N, C-alpha and C. Protein backbone atom coordinates (compact mmCIF):
# COMPACT_ATOMS: atom_id res chain seq x y z
N MET A 1 0.85 -1.17 0.00
CA MET A 1 0.00 -0.01 0.00
C MET A 1 0.88 1.25 0.02
N GLU A 2 0.54 2.21 -0.82
CA GLU A 2 1.34 3.42 -0.91
C GLU A 2 1.10 4.28 0.33
N GLN A 3 2.18 4.87 0.83
CA GLN A 3 2.12 5.70 2.03
C GLN A 3 1.64 7.08 1.69
N HIS A 4 0.88 7.69 2.57
CA HIS A 4 0.46 9.08 2.43
C HIS A 4 1.69 9.96 2.41
N PRO A 5 1.71 11.04 1.60
CA PRO A 5 2.88 11.93 1.53
C PRO A 5 3.31 12.50 2.90
N ASN A 6 2.31 12.75 3.76
CA ASN A 6 2.70 13.27 5.10
C ASN A 6 3.43 12.26 5.91
N VAL A 7 3.04 10.98 5.81
CA VAL A 7 3.74 9.89 6.53
C VAL A 7 5.17 9.77 5.99
N VAL A 8 5.30 9.85 4.70
CA VAL A 8 6.62 9.80 4.05
C VAL A 8 7.50 10.96 4.53
N ALA A 9 6.91 12.18 4.59
CA ALA A 9 7.63 13.36 5.05
C ALA A 9 8.09 13.19 6.48
N VAL A 10 7.25 12.65 7.35
CA VAL A 10 7.62 12.43 8.75
C VAL A 10 8.75 11.41 8.85
N ARG A 11 8.60 10.27 8.14
CA ARG A 11 9.67 9.26 8.13
C ARG A 11 10.97 9.86 7.65
N GLU A 12 10.94 10.62 6.61
CA GLU A 12 12.18 11.23 6.05
C GLU A 12 12.77 12.22 7.02
N ALA A 13 11.92 13.00 7.71
CA ALA A 13 12.39 13.95 8.71
C ALA A 13 13.05 13.25 9.91
N LEU A 14 12.48 12.11 10.31
CA LEU A 14 13.09 11.32 11.38
C LEU A 14 14.44 10.79 10.98
N GLU A 15 14.49 10.28 9.73
CA GLU A 15 15.76 9.77 9.23
C GLU A 15 16.83 10.84 9.12
N ALA A 16 16.40 12.03 8.59
CA ALA A 16 17.34 13.13 8.43
C ALA A 16 17.89 13.64 9.75
N ALA A 17 17.02 13.53 10.78
CA ALA A 17 17.43 13.97 12.13
C ALA A 17 18.25 12.94 12.87
N GLY A 18 18.40 11.77 12.26
CA GLY A 18 19.19 10.69 12.89
C GLY A 18 18.46 10.09 14.09
N ALA A 19 17.14 10.09 14.01
CA ALA A 19 16.33 9.51 15.11
C ALA A 19 16.59 8.00 15.17
N HIS A 20 16.52 7.45 16.39
CA HIS A 20 16.73 6.00 16.56
C HIS A 20 15.63 5.22 15.90
N THR A 21 14.50 5.84 15.61
CA THR A 21 13.41 5.14 14.95
C THR A 21 12.94 6.03 13.77
N ALA A 22 12.66 5.41 12.69
CA ALA A 22 11.99 6.07 11.60
C ALA A 22 10.73 5.24 11.29
N GLN A 23 10.36 4.41 12.29
CA GLN A 23 9.24 3.54 12.17
C GLN A 23 7.95 4.34 12.42
N VAL A 24 7.15 4.52 11.36
CA VAL A 24 5.86 5.15 11.49
C VAL A 24 4.84 4.06 11.33
N VAL A 25 4.02 3.86 12.38
CA VAL A 25 3.03 2.81 12.40
C VAL A 25 1.72 3.37 11.87
N VAL A 26 1.11 2.70 10.90
CA VAL A 26 -0.19 3.13 10.39
C VAL A 26 -1.25 2.19 10.98
N LEU A 27 -2.14 2.73 11.79
CA LEU A 27 -3.13 1.94 12.50
C LEU A 27 -4.32 1.67 11.58
N ASP A 28 -5.14 0.72 11.97
CA ASP A 28 -6.32 0.35 11.18
C ASP A 28 -7.33 1.49 11.10
N ASP A 29 -7.48 2.25 12.21
CA ASP A 29 -8.43 3.32 12.28
C ASP A 29 -7.74 4.62 12.71
N ALA A 30 -8.37 5.74 12.36
CA ALA A 30 -7.88 7.03 12.80
C ALA A 30 -8.00 7.17 14.31
N VAL A 31 -7.01 7.83 14.90
CA VAL A 31 -7.06 8.06 16.36
C VAL A 31 -6.95 9.57 16.56
N HIS A 32 -8.15 10.22 16.65
CA HIS A 32 -8.20 11.68 16.73
C HIS A 32 -7.93 12.21 18.10
N THR A 33 -7.94 11.34 19.14
CA THR A 33 -7.71 11.77 20.51
C THR A 33 -6.61 11.00 21.15
N ALA A 34 -6.05 11.54 22.24
CA ALA A 34 -5.03 10.83 22.96
C ALA A 34 -5.56 9.54 23.58
N VAL A 35 -6.83 9.58 24.03
CA VAL A 35 -7.43 8.38 24.60
C VAL A 35 -7.55 7.27 23.55
N ALA A 36 -8.00 7.66 22.37
CA ALA A 36 -8.16 6.67 21.31
C ALA A 36 -6.81 6.09 20.90
N ALA A 37 -5.77 6.94 20.83
CA ALA A 37 -4.47 6.51 20.46
C ALA A 37 -3.92 5.56 21.51
N ALA A 38 -4.05 5.94 22.77
CA ALA A 38 -3.58 5.08 23.85
C ALA A 38 -4.23 3.72 23.86
N GLU A 39 -5.54 3.70 23.63
CA GLU A 39 -6.28 2.45 23.54
C GLU A 39 -5.77 1.60 22.41
N ALA A 40 -5.59 2.21 21.23
CA ALA A 40 -5.14 1.44 20.04
C ALA A 40 -3.73 0.88 20.24
N LEU A 41 -2.92 1.57 21.00
CA LEU A 41 -1.52 1.17 21.20
C LEU A 41 -1.30 0.35 22.47
N GLY A 42 -2.28 0.35 23.37
CA GLY A 42 -2.13 -0.37 24.61
C GLY A 42 -1.14 0.31 25.56
N VAL A 43 -1.15 1.68 25.58
CA VAL A 43 -0.24 2.41 26.43
C VAL A 43 -1.06 3.39 27.28
N GLU A 44 -0.39 4.06 28.26
CA GLU A 44 -1.06 5.07 29.10
C GLU A 44 -1.31 6.33 28.26
N VAL A 45 -2.44 7.01 28.54
CA VAL A 45 -2.78 8.20 27.80
C VAL A 45 -1.71 9.28 27.92
N GLY A 46 -1.00 9.29 29.04
CA GLY A 46 0.07 10.30 29.25
C GLY A 46 1.27 10.09 28.32
N GLN A 47 1.38 8.90 27.71
CA GLN A 47 2.46 8.63 26.76
C GLN A 47 2.20 9.18 25.36
N ILE A 48 1.00 9.65 25.15
CA ILE A 48 0.65 10.18 23.85
C ILE A 48 1.05 11.66 23.82
N ALA A 49 1.86 12.04 22.86
CA ALA A 49 2.28 13.41 22.67
C ALA A 49 1.30 14.12 21.73
N ASN A 50 0.38 14.84 22.29
CA ASN A 50 -0.51 15.61 21.43
C ASN A 50 0.24 16.76 20.79
N SER A 51 0.09 16.90 19.47
CA SER A 51 0.73 17.99 18.72
C SER A 51 -0.31 19.06 18.50
N LEU A 52 -0.21 20.15 19.26
CA LEU A 52 -1.18 21.25 19.15
C LEU A 52 -0.53 22.49 18.62
N ILE A 53 -1.15 23.00 17.55
CA ILE A 53 -0.66 24.23 16.96
C ILE A 53 -1.47 25.38 17.50
N PHE A 54 -0.75 26.42 17.94
CA PHE A 54 -1.38 27.63 18.44
C PHE A 54 -0.94 28.82 17.58
N ASP A 55 -1.75 29.84 17.60
CA ASP A 55 -1.44 31.09 16.88
C ASP A 55 -0.84 32.02 17.99
N ALA A 56 0.43 32.23 17.87
CA ALA A 56 1.17 33.06 18.84
C ALA A 56 1.42 34.42 18.18
N GLU A 57 0.42 35.28 18.22
CA GLU A 57 0.49 36.59 17.60
C GLU A 57 0.86 36.52 16.15
N GLY A 58 0.20 35.58 15.40
CA GLY A 58 0.40 35.41 13.99
C GLY A 58 1.42 34.39 13.59
N GLU A 59 2.24 33.94 14.55
CA GLU A 59 3.25 32.92 14.26
C GLU A 59 2.80 31.59 14.80
N PRO A 60 3.13 30.49 14.09
CA PRO A 60 2.71 29.19 14.59
C PRO A 60 3.62 28.78 15.78
N LEU A 61 2.99 28.14 16.75
CA LEU A 61 3.69 27.54 17.90
C LEU A 61 3.15 26.15 18.04
N LEU A 62 4.05 25.19 18.04
CA LEU A 62 3.71 23.78 18.25
C LEU A 62 3.98 23.42 19.72
N VAL A 63 2.93 22.95 20.40
CA VAL A 63 3.08 22.50 21.77
C VAL A 63 2.87 20.99 21.75
N LEU A 64 3.89 20.21 22.12
CA LEU A 64 3.80 18.80 22.24
C LEU A 64 3.52 18.51 23.70
N THR A 65 2.27 18.16 24.00
CA THR A 65 1.84 17.97 25.38
C THR A 65 1.38 16.58 25.65
N SER A 66 1.55 16.16 26.90
CA SER A 66 1.07 14.83 27.30
C SER A 66 -0.43 14.76 27.14
N GLY A 67 -0.88 13.61 26.64
CA GLY A 67 -2.30 13.40 26.45
C GLY A 67 -3.07 13.37 27.80
N ALA A 68 -2.33 13.38 28.91
CA ALA A 68 -2.98 13.29 30.22
C ALA A 68 -3.46 14.65 30.70
N HIS A 69 -3.15 15.73 30.03
CA HIS A 69 -3.62 17.04 30.50
C HIS A 69 -3.77 18.04 29.38
N ARG A 70 -4.30 19.19 29.74
CA ARG A 70 -4.53 20.29 28.76
C ARG A 70 -3.46 21.37 28.91
N VAL A 71 -3.22 22.05 27.78
CA VAL A 71 -2.28 23.15 27.79
C VAL A 71 -2.92 24.35 28.49
N ASP A 72 -2.18 24.97 29.39
CA ASP A 72 -2.61 26.18 30.05
C ASP A 72 -2.08 27.35 29.19
N THR A 73 -2.97 27.87 28.32
CA THR A 73 -2.55 28.85 27.33
C THR A 73 -2.04 30.15 27.97
N ALA A 74 -2.66 30.56 29.10
CA ALA A 74 -2.19 31.77 29.77
C ALA A 74 -0.80 31.59 30.33
N LYS A 75 -0.50 30.40 30.87
CA LYS A 75 0.81 30.11 31.42
C LYS A 75 1.85 30.09 30.29
N VAL A 76 1.54 29.45 29.18
CA VAL A 76 2.47 29.39 28.04
C VAL A 76 2.69 30.77 27.46
N ALA A 77 1.63 31.56 27.28
CA ALA A 77 1.77 32.92 26.76
C ALA A 77 2.65 33.75 27.64
N SER A 78 2.45 33.63 28.94
CA SER A 78 3.29 34.37 29.90
C SER A 78 4.74 33.96 29.77
N ALA A 79 5.00 32.66 29.67
CA ALA A 79 6.38 32.14 29.56
C ALA A 79 7.02 32.65 28.29
N LEU A 80 6.24 32.85 27.23
CA LEU A 80 6.77 33.32 25.96
C LEU A 80 6.83 34.85 25.85
N GLY A 81 6.23 35.51 26.85
CA GLY A 81 6.21 36.95 26.86
C GLY A 81 5.30 37.53 25.80
N ILE A 82 4.20 36.82 25.50
CA ILE A 82 3.20 37.36 24.54
C ILE A 82 1.87 37.55 25.27
N ALA A 83 1.02 38.41 24.68
CA ALA A 83 -0.25 38.76 25.32
C ALA A 83 -1.22 37.60 25.31
N LYS A 84 -1.32 36.90 24.20
CA LYS A 84 -2.34 35.84 24.13
C LYS A 84 -1.92 34.72 23.22
N LEU A 85 -2.27 33.54 23.55
CA LEU A 85 -2.02 32.34 22.73
C LEU A 85 -3.40 31.81 22.35
N ARG A 86 -3.67 31.72 21.06
CA ARG A 86 -4.96 31.24 20.58
C ARG A 86 -4.83 29.89 19.88
N ARG A 87 -5.83 29.02 20.05
CA ARG A 87 -5.91 27.79 19.29
C ARG A 87 -5.99 28.17 17.82
N ALA A 88 -5.21 27.53 17.01
CA ALA A 88 -5.12 27.85 15.60
C ALA A 88 -6.36 27.27 14.86
N THR A 89 -6.72 27.94 13.76
CA THR A 89 -7.79 27.41 12.91
C THR A 89 -7.23 26.24 12.11
N PRO A 90 -8.12 25.39 11.60
CA PRO A 90 -7.63 24.29 10.73
C PRO A 90 -6.83 24.79 9.55
N GLU A 91 -7.22 25.93 8.99
CA GLU A 91 -6.51 26.49 7.83
C GLU A 91 -5.09 26.93 8.23
N PHE A 92 -4.95 27.56 9.40
CA PHE A 92 -3.66 28.01 9.91
C PHE A 92 -2.74 26.81 10.14
N VAL A 93 -3.34 25.74 10.72
CA VAL A 93 -2.55 24.53 11.00
C VAL A 93 -2.04 23.93 9.69
N ARG A 94 -2.90 23.79 8.70
CA ARG A 94 -2.50 23.20 7.42
C ARG A 94 -1.50 24.10 6.72
N GLU A 95 -1.69 25.40 6.77
CA GLU A 95 -0.76 26.34 6.11
C GLU A 95 0.69 26.15 6.67
N HIS A 96 0.81 26.02 7.99
CA HIS A 96 2.13 25.96 8.61
C HIS A 96 2.72 24.57 8.79
N THR A 97 1.89 23.53 8.72
CA THR A 97 2.44 22.18 8.94
C THR A 97 2.26 21.29 7.70
N GLY A 98 1.33 21.66 6.79
CA GLY A 98 1.03 20.80 5.68
C GLY A 98 0.17 19.60 6.10
N GLN A 99 -0.27 19.62 7.36
CA GLN A 99 -1.01 18.46 7.94
C GLN A 99 -2.30 18.96 8.54
N ALA A 100 -3.26 18.00 8.69
CA ALA A 100 -4.57 18.33 9.23
C ALA A 100 -4.59 18.08 10.74
N ILE A 101 -5.38 18.87 11.46
CA ILE A 101 -5.64 18.63 12.86
C ILE A 101 -6.01 17.19 13.08
N GLY A 102 -5.46 16.58 14.11
CA GLY A 102 -5.75 15.19 14.40
C GLY A 102 -4.61 14.27 13.94
N GLY A 103 -3.72 14.80 13.09
CA GLY A 103 -2.61 14.00 12.63
C GLY A 103 -1.35 14.78 12.57
N VAL A 104 -1.30 15.98 13.14
CA VAL A 104 -0.12 16.82 13.06
C VAL A 104 1.05 16.17 13.77
N ALA A 105 2.12 15.98 13.05
CA ALA A 105 3.34 15.35 13.56
C ALA A 105 4.24 16.44 14.19
N PRO A 106 5.18 16.04 15.04
CA PRO A 106 6.09 17.00 15.63
C PRO A 106 7.12 17.53 14.62
N LEU A 107 7.23 16.92 13.46
CA LEU A 107 8.19 17.32 12.44
C LEU A 107 7.67 16.91 11.07
N GLY A 108 8.44 17.25 10.03
CA GLY A 108 8.01 16.92 8.69
C GLY A 108 7.15 18.02 8.08
N HIS A 109 7.31 19.26 8.61
CA HIS A 109 6.54 20.39 8.13
C HIS A 109 7.32 21.10 7.02
N PRO A 110 6.63 21.94 6.20
CA PRO A 110 7.31 22.64 5.10
C PRO A 110 8.50 23.45 5.55
N LYS A 111 8.39 24.05 6.75
CA LYS A 111 9.52 24.77 7.35
C LYS A 111 9.41 24.61 8.86
N PRO A 112 10.52 24.79 9.60
CA PRO A 112 10.52 24.60 11.02
C PRO A 112 9.45 25.42 11.76
N VAL A 113 8.86 24.87 12.77
CA VAL A 113 7.89 25.56 13.61
C VAL A 113 8.43 25.58 15.04
N ARG A 114 8.39 26.76 15.65
CA ARG A 114 8.83 26.87 17.04
C ARG A 114 8.06 25.85 17.87
N THR A 115 8.79 25.06 18.68
CA THR A 115 8.19 23.95 19.41
C THR A 115 8.51 23.96 20.90
N LEU A 116 7.46 23.72 21.71
CA LEU A 116 7.63 23.53 23.14
C LEU A 116 7.30 22.07 23.41
N VAL A 117 8.08 21.41 24.29
CA VAL A 117 7.84 20.01 24.59
C VAL A 117 7.50 19.91 26.09
N ASP A 118 6.37 19.41 26.39
CA ASP A 118 5.87 19.25 27.78
C ASP A 118 6.86 18.45 28.61
N VAL A 119 7.33 19.02 29.71
CA VAL A 119 8.28 18.33 30.58
C VAL A 119 7.65 17.06 31.20
N ASP A 120 6.34 17.01 31.27
CA ASP A 120 5.62 15.88 31.85
C ASP A 120 5.88 14.59 31.01
N LEU A 121 6.16 14.77 29.72
CA LEU A 121 6.40 13.60 28.85
C LEU A 121 7.70 12.86 29.24
N ALA A 122 8.62 13.56 29.93
CA ALA A 122 9.88 12.98 30.29
C ALA A 122 9.73 11.79 31.23
N ARG A 123 8.57 11.65 31.85
CA ARG A 123 8.33 10.53 32.79
C ARG A 123 8.24 9.19 32.08
N TYR A 124 8.07 9.21 30.80
CA TYR A 124 7.87 7.95 30.06
C TYR A 124 9.05 7.57 29.23
N GLU A 125 9.35 6.30 29.23
CA GLU A 125 10.48 5.78 28.45
C GLU A 125 10.17 5.85 26.94
N VAL A 126 8.93 5.60 26.56
CA VAL A 126 8.50 5.69 25.18
C VAL A 126 7.27 6.59 25.09
N ILE A 127 7.37 7.52 24.16
CA ILE A 127 6.27 8.47 23.86
C ILE A 127 5.78 8.13 22.44
N TRP A 128 4.50 8.26 22.20
CA TRP A 128 3.96 8.06 20.90
C TRP A 128 3.48 9.39 20.33
N ALA A 129 3.93 9.74 19.15
CA ALA A 129 3.55 11.03 18.52
C ALA A 129 2.89 10.76 17.18
N ALA A 130 2.12 11.72 16.73
CA ALA A 130 1.38 11.59 15.45
C ALA A 130 2.37 11.55 14.28
N GLY A 131 1.98 10.82 13.26
CA GLY A 131 2.85 10.59 12.13
C GLY A 131 2.42 11.30 10.83
N GLY A 132 1.67 12.38 10.95
CA GLY A 132 1.32 13.15 9.77
C GLY A 132 -0.08 13.02 9.30
N VAL A 133 -0.78 11.92 9.66
CA VAL A 133 -2.18 11.73 9.35
C VAL A 133 -2.78 11.05 10.60
N PRO A 134 -4.13 11.17 10.77
CA PRO A 134 -4.75 10.65 12.02
C PRO A 134 -4.59 9.15 12.31
N ARG A 135 -4.12 8.37 11.35
CA ARG A 135 -3.95 6.91 11.57
C ARG A 135 -2.49 6.58 11.80
N ALA A 136 -1.61 7.55 11.73
CA ALA A 136 -0.17 7.25 11.85
C ALA A 136 0.43 7.77 13.12
N VAL A 137 1.30 6.93 13.76
CA VAL A 137 1.97 7.28 14.97
C VAL A 137 3.39 6.74 14.94
N PHE A 138 4.24 7.29 15.80
CA PHE A 138 5.60 6.71 15.90
C PHE A 138 6.08 6.79 17.33
N PRO A 139 6.91 5.83 17.76
CA PRO A 139 7.48 5.83 19.10
C PRO A 139 8.79 6.63 19.14
N ILE A 140 9.02 7.34 20.22
CA ILE A 140 10.24 8.09 20.39
C ILE A 140 10.48 8.35 21.84
N SER A 141 11.74 8.57 22.23
CA SER A 141 12.03 8.92 23.60
C SER A 141 11.88 10.44 23.80
N TYR A 142 11.76 10.84 25.03
CA TYR A 142 11.61 12.27 25.33
C TYR A 142 12.83 13.08 24.82
N ASP A 143 14.02 12.61 25.17
CA ASP A 143 15.22 13.37 24.76
C ASP A 143 15.33 13.44 23.25
N GLU A 144 14.96 12.37 22.56
CA GLU A 144 15.02 12.42 21.11
C GLU A 144 13.94 13.35 20.55
N LEU A 145 12.76 13.37 21.16
CA LEU A 145 11.71 14.23 20.70
C LEU A 145 12.17 15.68 20.81
N VAL A 146 12.78 16.02 21.92
CA VAL A 146 13.31 17.40 22.11
C VAL A 146 14.35 17.67 21.04
N ARG A 147 15.26 16.73 20.83
CA ARG A 147 16.34 16.93 19.88
C ARG A 147 15.87 17.08 18.42
N VAL A 148 15.01 16.16 17.96
CA VAL A 148 14.62 16.16 16.55
C VAL A 148 13.66 17.33 16.23
N THR A 149 13.02 17.88 17.22
CA THR A 149 12.12 19.02 16.99
C THR A 149 12.81 20.34 17.29
N ALA A 150 14.03 20.31 17.80
CA ALA A 150 14.69 21.51 18.33
C ALA A 150 13.76 22.20 19.30
N GLY A 151 13.04 21.38 20.07
CA GLY A 151 12.03 21.91 21.00
C GLY A 151 12.63 22.38 22.33
N THR A 152 11.85 23.18 23.01
CA THR A 152 12.22 23.70 24.31
C THR A 152 11.41 22.98 25.41
N PRO A 153 12.06 22.24 26.29
CA PRO A 153 11.31 21.62 27.41
C PRO A 153 10.60 22.73 28.20
N THR A 154 9.32 22.59 28.43
CA THR A 154 8.50 23.64 29.07
C THR A 154 7.38 23.01 29.90
N GLU A 155 7.07 23.65 31.02
CA GLU A 155 5.87 23.28 31.75
C GLU A 155 4.70 23.96 31.03
N VAL A 156 3.82 23.15 30.47
CA VAL A 156 2.70 23.70 29.67
C VAL A 156 1.35 23.53 30.30
N ALA A 157 1.24 22.81 31.40
CA ALA A 157 -0.05 22.54 31.99
C ALA A 157 -0.12 23.18 33.40
């Protein structure tokens, strides 16, 4: 079966970054939530790295957060020194990542996106992140996730 171009882009980005895994798993069904992804993979919901794009005063901000909690947008905005952090529209997300909400990967975007990585994810040996489409995921360690995304470890909840 031919792979979706977004899955190919994520795999290639993982390989280019020298990640220990370039294994992108395509599940039978789409997993649009952290709970659904955790159930499909047989892991804790906290091990799912939700990829959330925010509009940070017109610039995209990717927050990779544990599926076990929600992003505190006021806290993150304050940490970044901006007035307000807004949830991005589906069009804004696609424009900056080339991917649709529900499948946004931490990498494989047309150009780099500023990224914050939830420090709570560091508790897990293996984290599962989206692979570019809602049915695709890949395993990665916290340190590697920070490295391959050039992300900043941050308290986001």
